[in-house]
C-alpha atoms as a PDB file:
ATOM      1  CA  ASP A   1       0.000   0.000   0.000  1.00  0.00           C
ATOM      2  CA  PRO A   2       1.772   3.197  -1.152  1.00  0.00           C
ATOM      3  CA  ILE A   3      -0.173   5.494   1.183  1.00  0.00           C
ATOM      4  CA  ALA A   4       0.668   3.457   4.286  1.00  0.00           C
ATOM      5  CA  SER A   5       4.350   3.293   3.376  1.00  0.00           C
ATOM      6  CA  THR A   6       4.445   7.047   2.743  1.00  0.00           C
ATOM      7  CA  LEU A   7       2.788   7.765   6.089  1.00  0.00           C
ATOM      8  CA  GLN A   8       5.190   5.392   7.831  1.00  0.00           C
ATOM      9  CA  ARG A   9       8.163   7.293   6.376  1.00  0.00           C
ATOM     10  CA  ILE A  10       6.671  10.575   7.585  1.00  0.00           C
ATOM     11  CA  TYR A  11       6.055   9.178  11.089  1.00  0.00           C
ATOM     12  CA  ASP A  12       9.589   7.788  11.238  1.00  0.00           C
ATOM     13  CA  ARG A  13      11.026  11.172  10.285  1.00  0.00           C
ATOM     14  CA  VAL A  14       8.951  12.967  12.934  1.00  0.00           C
ATOM     15  CA  ARG A  15       9.942  10.412  15.601  1.00  0.00           C
ATOM     16  CA  ARG A  16      13.604  11.203  14.960  1.00  0.00           C
ATOM     17  CA  GLN A  17      12.942  14.877  15.770  1.00  0.00           C
ATOM     18  CA  PRO A  18       9.973  15.011  18.189  1.00  0.00           C
ATOM     19  CA  LYS A  19       8.043  18.280  18.259  1.00  0.00           C
ATOM     20  CA  ARG A  20       5.978  20.123  20.854  1.00  0.00           C
ATOM     21  CA  ILE A  21       2.549  20.564  19.288  1.00  0.00           C
ATOM     22  CA  VAL A  22       0.012  22.985  20.746  1.00  0.00           C
ATOM     23  CA  PHE A  23      -3.689  22.073  20.626  1.00  0.00           C
ATOM     24  CA  ALA A  24      -5.572  25.361  21.083  1.00  0.00           C
ATOM     25  CA  GLU A  25      -8.992  23.852  21.848  1.00  0.00           C
ATOM     26  CA  GLY A  26      -7.740  21.525  24.565  1.00  0.00           C
ATOM     27  CA  GLU A  27     -11.099  21.295  26.348  1.00  0.00           C
ATOM     28  CA  GLU A  28     -12.717  19.460  23.414  1.00  0.00           C
ATOM     29  CA  GLU A  29     -12.940  15.652  23.526  1.00  0.00           C
ATOM     30  CA  GLN A  30     -11.760  15.135  19.933  1.00  0.00           C
ATOM     31  CA  VAL A  31      -8.759  17.383  20.526  1.00  0.00           C
ATOM     32  CA  MET A  32      -7.836  15.479  23.690  1.00  0.00           C
ATOM     33  CA  ARG A  33      -8.052  12.187  21.784  1.00  0.00           C
ATOM     34  CA  ALA A  34      -5.813  13.611  19.053  1.00  0.00           C
ATOM     35  CA  ALA A  35      -3.265  14.736  21.661  1.00  0.00           C
ATOM     36  CA  VAL A  36      -3.219  11.297  23.302  1.00  0.00           C
ATOM     37  CA  SER A  37      -2.803   9.649  19.902  1.00  0.00           C
ATOM     38  CA  TYR A  38       0.050  12.011  19.043  1.00  0.00           C
ATOM     39  CA  VAL A  39       1.869  11.114  22.269  1.00  0.00           C
ATOM     40  CA  ASN A  40       1.109   7.374  21.989  1.00  0.00           C
ATOM     41  CA  GLN A  41       2.688   7.317  18.525  1.00  0.00           C
ATOM     42  CA  ARG A  42       5.817   8.874  20.078  1.00  0.00           C
ATOM     43  CA  LEU A  43       5.677  11.852  17.731  1.00  0.00           C
ATOM     44  CA  GLY A  44       6.407  14.400  20.469  1.00  0.00           C
ATOM     45  CA  THR A  45       4.844  16.379  23.305  1.00  0.00           C
ATOM     46  CA  ALA A  46       1.223  17.554  23.192  1.00  0.00           C
ATOM     47  CA  ILE A  47       0.232  20.852  24.808  1.00  0.00           C
ATOM     48  CA  LEU A  48      -3.470  21.250  25.577  1.00  0.00           C
ATOM     49  CA  LEU A  49      -4.633  24.843  26.056  1.00  0.00           C
ATOM     50  CA  GLY A  50      -7.577  25.409  28.342  1.00  0.00           C
ATOM     51  CA  ARG A  51      -8.756  25.471  31.912  1.00  0.00           C
ATOM     52  CA  ASP A  52      -7.084  22.669  33.841  1.00  0.00           C
ATOM     53  CA  ASP A  53     -10.184  21.595  35.774  1.00  0.00           C
ATOM     54  CA  ILE A  54     -12.412  21.572  32.665  1.00  0.00           C
ATOM     55  CA  ILE A  55      -9.892  19.558  30.645  1.00  0.00           C
ATOM     56  CA  LYS A  56      -9.500  16.970  33.411  1.00  0.00           C
ATOM     57  CA  GLU A  57     -13.259  16.705  33.971  1.00  0.00           C
ATOM     58  CA  ASN A  58     -14.011  16.339  30.248  1.00  0.00           C
ATOM     59  CA  ALA A  59     -11.248  13.747  29.895  1.00  0.00           C
ATOM     60  CA  ARG A  60     -12.579  11.775  32.855  1.00  0.00           C
ATOM     61  CA  ASN A  61     -16.140  11.875  31.449  1.00  0.00           C
ATOM     62  CA  ALA A  62     -14.883  10.675  28.050  1.00  0.00           C
ATOM     63  CA  GLY A  63     -12.618   7.986  29.525  1.00  0.00           C
ATOM     64  CA  ILE A  64      -9.440   9.627  28.240  1.00  0.00           C
ATOM     65  CA  GLU A  65      -6.215   9.143  30.230  1.00  0.00           C
ATOM     66  CA  LEU A  66      -4.265  12.420  30.250  1.00  0.00           C
ATOM     67  CA  ASN A  67      -1.827  11.532  33.042  1.00  0.00           C
ATOM     68  CA  LYS A  68       0.780  10.409  30.542  1.00  0.00           C
ATOM     69  CA  GLN A  69       4.230  11.784  30.175  1.00  0.00           C
ATOM     70  CA  GLY A  70       4.271  13.987  27.104  1.00  0.00           C
ATOM     71  CA  ILE A  71       0.952  15.790  27.674  1.00  0.00           C
ATOM     72  CA  GLU A  72       1.035  19.282  29.171  1.00  0.00           C
ATOM     73  CA  ILE A  73      -1.972  21.381  30.152  1.00  0.00           C
ATOM     74  CA  ILE A  74      -1.567  25.157  30.026  1.00  0.00           C
ATOM     75  CA  ASN A  75      -4.172  27.673  31.116  1.00  0.00           C
ATOM     76  CA  ALA A  76      -3.615  30.725  28.908  1.00  0.00           C
ATOM     77  CA  ARG A  77      -4.950  33.078  31.568  1.00  0.00           C
ATOM     78  CA  LEU A  78      -2.495  31.827  34.222  1.00  0.00           C
ATOM     79  CA  SER A  79       0.616  31.285  32.103  1.00  0.00           C
ATOM     80  CA  ARG A  80       3.899  32.833  33.202  1.00  0.00           C
ATOM     81  CA  ARG A  81       4.659  33.707  29.571  1.00  0.00           C
ATOM     82  CA  ASN A  82       1.661  36.015  29.089  1.00  0.00           C
ATOM     83  CA  GLY A  83       3.847  39.114  29.322  1.00  0.00           C
ATOM     84  CA  VAL A  84       6.180  37.860  26.603  1.00  0.00           C
ATOM     85  CA  TYR A  85       3.273  36.950  24.324  1.00  0.00           C
ATOM     86  CA  THR A  86       1.501  40.255  24.989  1.00  0.00           C
ATOM     87  CA  ASP A  87       4.645  42.229  24.140  1.00  0.00           C
ATOM     88  CA  TYR A  88       5.112  40.216  20.944  1.00  0.00           C
ATOM     89  CA  LEU A  89       1.487  40.641  19.855  1.00  0.00           C
ATOM     90  CA  TYR A  90       1.500  44.361  20.672  1.00  0.00           C
ATOM     91  CA  GLU A  91       4.684  44.853  18.658  1.00  0.00           C
ATOM     92  CA  ARG A  92       2.965  43.257  15.665  1.00  0.00           C
ATOM     93  CA  MET A  93      -0.472  44.860  16.051  1.00  0.00           C
ATOM     94  CA  GLN A  94       0.115  48.405  17.350  1.00  0.00           C
ATOM     95  CA  ARG A  95       0.269  49.901  13.859  1.00  0.00           C
ATOM     96  CA  LYS A  96      -3.162  48.425  13.171  1.00  0.00           C
ATOM     97  CA  GLY A  97      -4.651  50.401  16.046  1.00  0.00           C
ATOM     98  CA  PHE A  98      -4.452  47.811  18.814  1.00  0.00           C
ATOM     99  CA  LEU A  99      -3.705  49.093  22.292  1.00  0.00           C
ATOM    100  CA  PHE A 100      -1.486  47.194  24.704  1.00  0.00           C
ATOM    101  CA  ARG A 101      -4.523  46.297  26.815  1.00  0.00           C
ATOM    102  CA  ASP A 102      -6.268  44.914  23.698  1.00  0.00           C
ATOM    103  CA  CYS A 103      -3.342  42.591  23.098  1.00  0.00           C
ATOM    104  CA  GLN A 104      -3.270  41.663  26.767  1.00  0.00           C
ATOM    105  CA  ARG A 105      -6.966  40.765  26.658  1.00  0.00           C
ATOM    106  CA  LEU A 106      -6.487  38.662  23.522  1.00  0.00           C
ATOM    107  CA  ILE A 107      -3.631  36.692  25.071  1.00  0.00           C
ATOM    108  CA  ASN A 108      -5.543  36.131  28.325  1.00  0.00           C
ATOM    109  CA  THR A 109      -8.895  35.172  26.811  1.00  0.00           C
ATOM    110  CA  ASP A 110      -8.336  33.812  23.301  1.00  0.00           C
ATOM    111  CA  ARG A 111      -6.544  30.471  23.172  1.00  0.00           C
ATOM    112  CA  ASN A 112      -6.006  30.793  19.420  1.00  0.00           C
ATOM    113  CA  HIS A 113      -3.978  33.991  19.826  1.00  0.00           C
ATOM    114  CA  PHE A 114      -2.076  32.441  22.733  1.00  0.00           C
ATOM    115  CA  ALA A 115      -1.295  29.348  20.635  1.00  0.00           C
ATOM    116  CA  ALA A 116      -0.285  31.473  17.642  1.00  0.00           C
ATOM    117  CA  CYS A 117       2.199  33.359  19.819  1.00  0.00           C
ATOM    118  CA  MET A 118       3.589  30.057  21.102  1.00  0.00           C
ATOM    119  CA  VAL A 119       4.199  28.984  17.510  1.00  0.00           C
ATOM    120  CA  ALA A 120       5.560  32.375  16.418  1.00  0.00           C
ATOM    121  CA  LEU A 121       8.049  32.429  19.294  1.00  0.00           C
ATOM    122  CA  ALA A 122       9.060  28.784  18.651  1.00  0.00           C
ATOM    123  CA  VAL A 123       7.759  27.495  21.987  1.00  0.00           C
ATOM    124  CA  ALA A 124       5.632  24.965  20.086  1.00  0.00           C
ATOM    125  CA  LYS A 125       4.767  23.930  16.555  1.00  0.00           C
END
């Protein structure tokens, strides 16, 4: 099967250089399952963005085991890197009329912006 062999080559290449992948909608069941699958295939570390208690409750209700090495849960509102991400976003958006507090609000409340800053600053892929 040419598709299976091609995918196997891709997986082998990724396993040689594991990546940290950020999953912005970490509270969703399908996203949690994808993160667990990513880690189980030894492709790298999965970062779930969302509220810690909600992620754990949703995982428990869905029967998903998140207590594996290689899965991190980050709450965007409580992250220690918010200042770095806010500064980065403000630097990029100030000429478009965004105020510093606008960028701060986006980083604290919008997981997609938080995840995009993680990728832009090479914290995750």
